[in-house]
């Protein structure tokens, strides 16, 4: 039902030059943002067209609202509060307010109340914070004591309470530029406060004029660990792993080394079997057996992280370009063997040697370049 009104408004926009001029949104420079603004405008116009056609009767408006809720995410308006307000405005005002104790006791107009609760649940699911105008609209439609009002008050209380608690808070409207998305993802994952983010533009090949971006995250402490890294031990570049910025995925890669045995002491299999039934309780005295170095934020049990990156193509060639860019601040990388162990369909590992920086392939079952 909603799709018919949306298609009618969309056809009118494409056929009427005046409407095209109105909906061009000249103040928006990015074409993707223009498209989103156009979809929002058409969505609200479709609701207005339904109201203009049906008048006060509004036959089948509950089904219309359910259909519109299903179409909101494909139309990319599921995080826009104005679109939810447009759907709430479809409900007739005044006629569904309870007038006596029996109507208060038994859910008055239950089908319409469930529809309003469904709007609020979808609004909550996508992280949209309602304002007081939504409360005023619910009060004009159903009154003050009903299921939609209770749902609204719970959403309003909890979302306002936790909206600023996330230490890695993202902007409400995520940027469209992939470089900005990559920088947001790296800033979210980097735990070192001295972390430095750099973006390089590299060519796809020697004859191509197209520039591809490489976003890198590395701190001075990580550069110092690369400087003291022995040349006999390889450095691994692994990935791609996936991190999510809400519903937008980003593929990142990690440069790491093996775990430092002097910091993380792992028991052997024989020691684990001997201590299998040797449990420590809270009454046992905790006395350190020996002095141990405290690991920094980059030294983990799985390995020491020396850098992270997000490339535009997430391919092997872009990672080789990333290593070349890192060599400007980390000249020691030229003499350290680098093993590329990537999640690729070919199941191959690339070994980067210092002789002209030419990659050679090696099986992932034996990644040691020596």
Protein backbone atom coordinates (compact mmCIF):
# COMPACT_ATOMS: atom_id res chain seq x y z
CA UNK A 1 0.00 0.00 0.00
CA UNK A 2 2.73 2.47 0.94
CA UNK A 3 4.77 1.47 -2.12
CA UNK A 4 1.98 2.70 -4.41
CA UNK A 5 2.05 6.21 -2.93
CA UNK A 6 5.85 6.27 -2.90
CA UNK A 7 6.01 5.23 -6.56
CA UNK A 8 3.42 7.86 -7.49
CA UNK A 9 5.40 10.65 -5.82
CA UNK A 10 8.65 9.38 -7.35
CA UNK A 11 7.10 9.34 -10.83
CA UNK A 12 5.83 12.87 -10.34
CA UNK A 13 9.29 14.04 -9.28
CA UNK A 14 10.88 12.54 -12.39
CA UNK A 15 8.23 13.95 -14.72
CA UNK A 16 7.80 17.46 -13.28
CA UNK A 17 10.67 19.87 -13.84
CA UNK A 18 9.49 22.20 -11.08
CA UNK A 19 9.60 19.41 -8.52
CA UNK A 20 13.06 18.46 -9.76
CA UNK A 21 14.25 21.99 -9.04
CA UNK A 22 12.70 21.86 -5.56
CA UNK A 23 14.21 18.49 -4.66
CA UNK A 24 17.71 19.00 -6.04
CA UNK A 25 18.97 20.14 -2.61
CA UNK A 26 21.61 22.46 -4.01
CA UNK A 27 23.13 23.04 -0.57
CA UNK A 28 24.36 19.42 -0.50
CA UNK A 29 27.57 18.84 -2.43
CA UNK A 30 27.80 15.06 -2.12
CA UNK A 31 25.53 13.14 -4.54
CA UNK A 32 24.90 10.39 -1.97
CA UNK A 33 23.67 12.94 0.57
CA UNK A 34 21.44 14.44 -2.11
CA UNK A 35 19.97 11.02 -2.81
CA UNK A 36 19.28 10.43 0.89
CA UNK A 37 17.62 13.83 1.25
CA UNK A 38 15.50 13.12 -1.83
CA UNK A 39 14.38 9.76 -0.42
CA UNK A 40 13.41 11.41 2.86
CA UNK A 41 11.45 14.10 1.03
CA UNK A 42 9.63 11.54 -1.12
CA UNK A 43 8.83 9.40 1.96
CA UNK A 44 7.20 12.32 3.76
CA UNK A 45 5.39 13.39 0.57
CA UNK A 46 4.02 9.85 0.18
CA UNK A 47 2.57 10.06 3.71
CA UNK A 48 1.09 13.48 2.93
CA UNK A 49 -0.41 12.13 -0.30
CA UNK A 50 -2.08 9.32 1.65
CA UNK A 51 -3.54 11.82 4.15
CA UNK A 52 -4.76 14.10 1.37
CA UNK A 53 -6.48 11.25 -0.46
CA UNK A 54 -8.14 9.54 2.50
CA UNK A 55 -9.08 12.59 4.57
CA UNK A 56 -10.55 11.93 8.01
CA UNK A 57 -11.65 8.36 7.25
CA UNK A 58 -8.10 7.02 6.70
CA UNK A 59 -9.26 3.54 5.89
CA UNK A 60 -6.50 0.95 6.27
CA UNK A 61 -4.02 3.33 7.86
CA UNK A 62 -2.66 0.65 10.24
CA UNK A 63 -1.69 -1.56 7.29
CA UNK A 64 -0.25 1.50 5.57
CA UNK A 65 1.98 2.23 8.56
CA UNK A 66 3.19 -1.38 8.82
CA UNK A 67 4.06 -1.36 5.12
CA UNK A 68 5.89 1.95 5.51
CA UNK A 69 7.92 0.60 8.45
CA UNK A 70 9.14 -2.29 6.31
CA UNK A 71 10.19 0.10 3.55
CA UNK A 72 12.12 2.51 5.77
CA UNK A 73 15.42 0.63 5.86
CA UNK A 74 15.59 -0.06 2.08
CA UNK A 75 14.88 3.65 1.54
CA UNK A 76 17.60 4.60 4.08
CA UNK A 77 15.27 6.72 6.23
CA UNK A 78 15.19 4.32 9.21
CA UNK A 79 17.37 6.68 11.32
CA UNK A 80 15.41 9.85 10.59
CA UNK A 81 13.10 11.08 13.35
CA UNK A 82 11.05 13.27 10.99
CA UNK A 83 9.95 10.19 9.03
CA UNK A 84 8.74 8.50 12.22
CA UNK A 85 6.86 11.67 13.17
CA UNK A 86 5.20 11.60 9.74
CA UNK A 87 3.94 8.07 10.40
CA UNK A 88 2.69 9.05 13.87
CA UNK A 89 0.75 11.94 12.33
CA UNK A 90 -1.40 9.44 10.42
CA UNK A 91 -3.21 8.34 13.59
CA UNK A 92 -6.49 10.23 14.13
CA UNK A 93 -6.38 12.45 17.19
CA UNK A 94 -8.91 12.45 20.03
CA UNK A 95 -11.15 9.52 19.11
CA UNK A 96 -8.96 6.81 20.75
CA UNK A 97 -8.55 8.47 24.16
CA UNK A 98 -10.26 6.37 26.92
CA UNK A 99 -13.34 8.03 28.40
CA UNK A 100 -14.17 5.74 31.33
CA UNK A 101 -12.60 3.25 33.71
CA UNK A 102 -13.51 0.22 31.59
CA UNK A 103 -11.74 1.61 28.55
CA UNK A 104 -8.71 2.29 30.75
CA UNK A 105 -8.78 -1.25 32.19
CA UNK A 106 -9.09 -2.97 28.81
CA UNK A 107 -6.70 -1.80 26.14
CA UNK A 108 -8.69 0.77 24.16
CA UNK A 109 -8.14 0.30 20.40
CA UNK A 110 -5.53 -2.47 20.91
CA UNK A 111 -4.67 -2.83 17.23
CA UNK A 112 -3.78 0.85 16.94
CA UNK A 113 -1.82 0.79 20.22
CA UNK A 114 0.20 -2.20 19.03
CA UNK A 115 0.95 -0.33 15.80
CA UNK A 116 2.24 2.68 17.74
CA UNK A 117 4.36 0.42 19.94
CA UNK A 118 5.82 -1.14 16.77
CA UNK A 119 6.84 2.32 15.55
CA UNK A 120 8.54 3.05 18.86
CA UNK A 121 10.30 -0.34 18.91
CA UNK A 122 11.77 0.20 15.44
CA UNK A 123 12.76 3.71 16.43
CA UNK A 124 14.55 2.29 19.49
CA UNK A 125 16.18 -0.53 17.52
CA UNK A 126 17.95 1.88 15.17
CA UNK A 127 19.11 4.18 17.96
CA UNK A 128 16.83 7.11 17.23
CA UNK A 129 16.13 9.24 20.32
CA UNK A 130 12.55 10.58 20.42
CA UNK A 131 11.86 14.13 21.52
CA UNK A 132 9.03 15.66 23.51
CA UNK A 133 6.99 16.28 20.34
CA UNK A 134 6.58 12.50 20.02
CA UNK A 135 5.23 12.42 23.58
CA UNK A 136 2.78 15.23 22.80
CA UNK A 137 1.57 13.37 19.69
CA UNK A 138 1.00 10.12 21.64
CA UNK A 139 -0.89 12.04 24.32
CA UNK A 140 -3.15 13.63 21.70
CA UNK A 141 -3.86 10.24 20.12
CA UNK A 142 -4.15 7.79 23.04
CA UNK A 143 -4.00 9.87 26.20
CA UNK A 144 -1.51 9.52 29.06
CA UNK A 145 -2.11 6.02 30.49
CA UNK A 146 -1.56 3.43 27.75
CA UNK A 147 1.03 1.05 26.34
CA UNK A 148 2.56 3.47 23.77
CA UNK A 149 3.12 6.12 26.45
CA UNK A 150 4.80 3.61 28.77
CA UNK A 151 7.00 2.46 25.91
CA UNK A 152 7.94 6.03 25.04
CA UNK A 153 8.87 6.88 28.64
CA UNK A 154 11.12 3.82 28.91
CA UNK A 155 12.87 4.65 25.64
CA UNK A 156 13.28 8.31 26.56
CA UNK A 157 14.70 7.47 29.99
CA UNK A 158 17.17 4.78 28.90
CA UNK A 159 18.43 6.43 25.69
CA UNK A 160 19.06 9.74 27.42
CA UNK A 161 20.87 7.90 30.20
CA UNK A 162 23.29 5.98 27.96
CA UNK A 163 23.66 8.13 24.87
CA UNK A 164 26.98 9.65 26.08
CA UNK A 165 28.39 6.63 27.94
CA UNK A 166 30.12 5.05 24.94
CA UNK A 167 33.84 6.03 24.97
CA UNK A 168 34.04 5.30 21.23
CA UNK A 169 30.95 7.25 20.27
CA UNK A 170 30.30 7.60 16.55
CA UNK A 171 28.65 10.61 14.93
CA UNK A 172 24.91 10.31 14.54
CA UNK A 173 25.17 10.53 10.74
CA UNK A 174 28.14 8.51 9.55
CA UNK A 175 30.21 10.15 6.80
CA UNK A 176 29.95 8.95 3.23
CA UNK A 177 33.64 9.38 2.41
CA UNK A 178 35.43 5.99 2.78
CA UNK A 179 38.57 7.74 4.06
CA UNK A 180 36.66 9.28 6.95
CA UNK A 181 35.06 5.92 7.72
CA UNK A 182 38.50 4.25 7.79
CA UNK A 183 39.85 6.93 10.14
CA UNK A 184 36.85 6.49 12.46
CA UNK A 185 37.39 2.72 12.56
CA UNK A 186 41.12 3.02 13.31
CA UNK A 187 40.52 5.62 15.99
CA UNK A 188 37.96 3.30 17.57
CA UNK A 189 40.38 0.33 17.65
CA UNK A 190 43.60 2.14 18.62
CA UNK A 191 44.01 2.05 22.42
CA UNK A 192 47.22 4.09 22.62
CA UNK A 193 46.48 7.76 23.35
CA UNK A 194 49.62 8.75 21.40
CA UNK A 195 48.39 6.94 18.33
CA UNK A 196 48.98 8.78 15.04
CA UNK A 197 46.66 8.40 12.05
CA UNK A 198 48.03 8.96 8.55
CA UNK A 199 46.41 8.68 5.14
CA UNK A 200 48.46 8.10 1.99
CA UNK A 201 47.34 8.27 -1.62
CA UNK A 202 49.07 5.72 -3.86
CA UNK A 203 48.64 4.79 -7.52
CA UNK A 204 47.04 1.53 -8.50
CA UNK A 205 49.95 0.81 -10.87
CA UNK A 206 52.69 2.71 -12.68
CA UNK A 207 50.53 3.63 -15.67
CA UNK A 208 47.36 4.46 -13.74
CA UNK A 209 46.45 7.98 -12.62
CA UNK A 210 43.85 6.72 -10.16
CA UNK A 211 44.80 7.27 -6.52
CA UNK A 212 43.87 4.76 -3.81
CA UNK A 213 43.97 5.59 -0.11
CA UNK A 214 45.79 3.77 2.70
CA UNK A 215 44.82 4.74 6.26
CA UNK A 216 47.39 3.73 8.87
CA UNK A 217 47.52 3.86 12.67
CA UNK A 218 50.84 3.68 14.52
CA UNK A 219 52.16 5.19 17.75
CA UNK A 220 55.71 6.28 18.67
CA UNK A 221 55.93 3.29 21.04
CA UNK A 222 55.22 0.92 18.17
CA UNK A 223 57.90 2.57 16.04
CA UNK A 224 60.35 2.16 18.91
CA UNK A 225 59.52 -1.55 19.16
CA UNK A 226 60.14 -1.91 15.41
CA UNK A 227 63.51 -0.17 15.84
CA UNK A 228 64.57 -2.70 18.53
CA UNK A 229 63.11 -5.71 16.72
CA UNK A 230 65.79 -8.30 15.77
CA UNK A 231 66.37 -8.82 12.06
CA UNK A 232 66.28 -12.60 12.42
CA UNK A 233 62.63 -12.68 13.49
CA UNK A 234 59.91 -11.99 10.92
CA UNK A 235 57.04 -9.55 11.21
CA UNK A 236 53.58 -10.76 10.19
CA UNK A 237 50.86 -8.85 8.37
CA UNK A 238 47.55 -10.58 8.99
CA UNK A 239 43.95 -9.97 7.98
CA UNK A 240 41.57 -9.04 6.81
CA UNK A 241 39.55 -8.73 9.93
CA UNK A 242 36.23 -6.94 10.09
CA UNK A 243 35.05 -4.12 12.34
CA UNK A 244 31.60 -2.58 12.19
CA UNK A 245 30.63 1.07 12.33
CA UNK A 246 26.97 0.42 13.06
CA UNK A 247 25.87 -1.33 9.85
CA UNK A 248 28.93 -0.37 7.75
CA UNK A 249 31.77 -2.95 7.75
CA UNK A 250 35.44 -2.04 7.49
CA UNK A 251 38.23 -4.51 6.68
CA UNK A 252 41.48 -3.89 8.54
CA UNK A 253 44.91 -5.53 8.70
CA UNK A 254 47.34 -5.91 11.58
CA UNK A 255 51.14 -5.94 11.63
CA UNK A 256 52.40 -7.99 14.56
CA UNK A 257 55.29 -10.04 15.94
CA UNK A 258 55.42 -13.12 18.11
CA UNK A 259 54.78 -12.92 21.83
CA UNK A 260 57.72 -11.92 24.00
CA UNK A 261 58.50 -15.05 26.09
CA UNK A 262 60.09 -12.97 28.85
CA UNK A 263 56.76 -11.23 29.53
CA UNK A 264 54.17 -13.92 28.85
CA UNK A 265 55.34 -17.27 30.25
CA UNK A 266 53.17 -20.09 28.99
CA UNK A 267 53.26 -23.46 30.75
CA UNK A 268 54.15 -26.53 28.74
CA UNK A 269 51.76 -29.42 28.24
CA UNK A 270 53.53 -31.46 30.90
CA UNK A 271 53.22 -28.63 33.43
CA UNK A 272 49.53 -28.23 32.63
CA UNK A 273 48.92 -31.94 33.22
CA UNK A 274 50.85 -31.86 36.51
CA UNK A 275 48.88 -28.84 37.78
CA UNK A 276 45.55 -30.10 36.51
CA UNK A 277 44.09 -30.60 39.98
CA UNK A 278 46.19 -27.98 41.77
CA UNK A 279 43.58 -25.28 42.40
CA UNK A 280 44.22 -21.93 44.05
CA UNK A 281 41.60 -20.60 46.42
CA UNK A 282 40.96 -17.12 47.76
CA UNK A 283 42.60 -18.17 51.03
CA UNK A 284 45.95 -18.93 49.38
CA UNK A 285 48.55 -16.22 49.78
CA UNK A 286 49.46 -14.56 46.50
CA UNK A 287 53.22 -14.14 46.55
CA UNK A 288 55.06 -13.34 43.34
CA UNK A 289 57.56 -16.03 42.47
CA UNK A 290 59.76 -13.72 40.37
CA UNK A 291 59.94 -10.21 39.00
CA UNK A 292 58.19 -9.75 35.67
CA UNK A 293 58.11 -6.92 33.20
CA UNK A 294 54.77 -5.19 32.83
CA UNK A 295 53.52 -5.40 29.23
CA UNK A 296 52.47 -2.25 27.44
CA UNK A 297 49.14 -1.80 25.69
CA UNK A 298 50.46 -3.27 22.43
CA UNK A 299 51.94 -6.44 23.92
CA UNK A 300 49.23 -9.09 24.06
CA UNK A 301 49.32 -12.82 24.65
CA UNK A 302 48.57 -13.44 20.96
CA UNK A 303 51.40 -11.17 19.81
CA UNK A 304 52.76 -7.64 19.82
CA UNK A 305 50.81 -5.24 17.62
CA UNK A 306 53.07 -2.92 15.59
CA UNK A 307 50.48 -1.18 13.41
CA UNK A 308 47.07 -1.32 11.78
CA UNK A 309 45.76 -0.18 8.43
CA UNK A 310 42.66 -0.01 6.25
CA UNK A 311 43.16 0.10 2.50
CA UNK A 312 40.69 0.95 -0.21
CA UNK A 313 41.06 -2.36 -2.09
CA UNK A 314 42.12 -4.69 0.80
CA UNK A 315 44.44 -6.54 -1.58
CA UNK A 316 48.06 -7.73 -1.29
CA UNK A 317 49.45 -4.96 -3.48
CA UNK A 318 47.93 -2.28 -1.27
CA UNK A 319 49.51 -3.86 1.82
CA UNK A 320 52.91 -3.89 0.13
CA UNK A 321 52.40 -0.19 -0.58
CA UNK A 322 51.51 0.29 3.11
CA UNK A 323 54.83 -1.27 4.17
CA UNK A 324 56.69 0.99 1.75
CA UNK A 325 54.96 4.02 3.23
CA UNK A 326 55.83 2.87 6.76
CA UNK A 327 59.51 2.59 5.82
CA UNK A 328 59.76 6.39 5.78
CA UNK A 329 59.33 6.50 9.58
CA UNK A 330 60.52 2.91 10.17
CA UNK A 331 63.67 2.39 8.05
CA UNK A 332 64.44 -0.83 9.90
CA UNK A 333 61.55 -2.53 8.07
CA UNK A 334 63.80 -2.73 5.00
CA UNK A 335 66.01 -5.32 6.70
CA UNK A 336 63.31 -7.31 8.53
CA UNK A 337 61.53 -10.15 6.68
CA UNK A 338 57.78 -9.53 6.49
CA UNK A 339 55.32 -12.39 6.06
CA UNK A 340 51.90 -11.62 4.58
CA UNK A 341 49.42 -14.19 5.87
CA UNK A 342 46.09 -13.08 4.45
CA UNK A 343 42.63 -14.61 4.37
CA UNK A 344 42.61 -15.00 0.60
CA UNK A 345 41.05 -17.73 -1.58
CA UNK A 346 44.50 -18.81 -2.79
CA UNK A 347 45.57 -19.65 0.80
CA UNK A 348 49.06 -18.31 0.18
CA UNK A 349 51.43 -16.27 2.33
CA UNK A 350 53.53 -13.46 0.88
CA UNK A 351 57.08 -12.95 2.14
CA UNK A 352 58.49 -9.45 1.62
CA UNK A 353 62.27 -9.35 1.48
CA UNK A 354 64.57 -6.38 1.42
CA UNK A 355 66.04 -7.07 -2.06
CA UNK A 356 64.09 -4.53 -4.07
CA UNK A 357 60.99 -5.17 -1.95
CA UNK A 358 59.87 -7.94 -4.30
CA UNK A 359 57.25 -10.29 -2.84
CA UNK A 360 57.60 -14.04 -3.03
CA UNK A 361 54.88 -16.60 -2.34
CA UNK A 362 55.09 -19.26 0.32
CA UNK A 363 52.66 -21.72 1.80
CA UNK A 364 50.82 -20.60 4.92
CA UNK A 365 51.66 -23.88 6.60
CA UNK A 366 55.31 -22.78 6.90
CA UNK A 367 55.33 -18.98 7.07
CA UNK A 368 58.95 -18.65 8.28
CA UNK A 369 60.86 -17.02 5.38
CA UNK A 370 64.14 -18.59 6.41
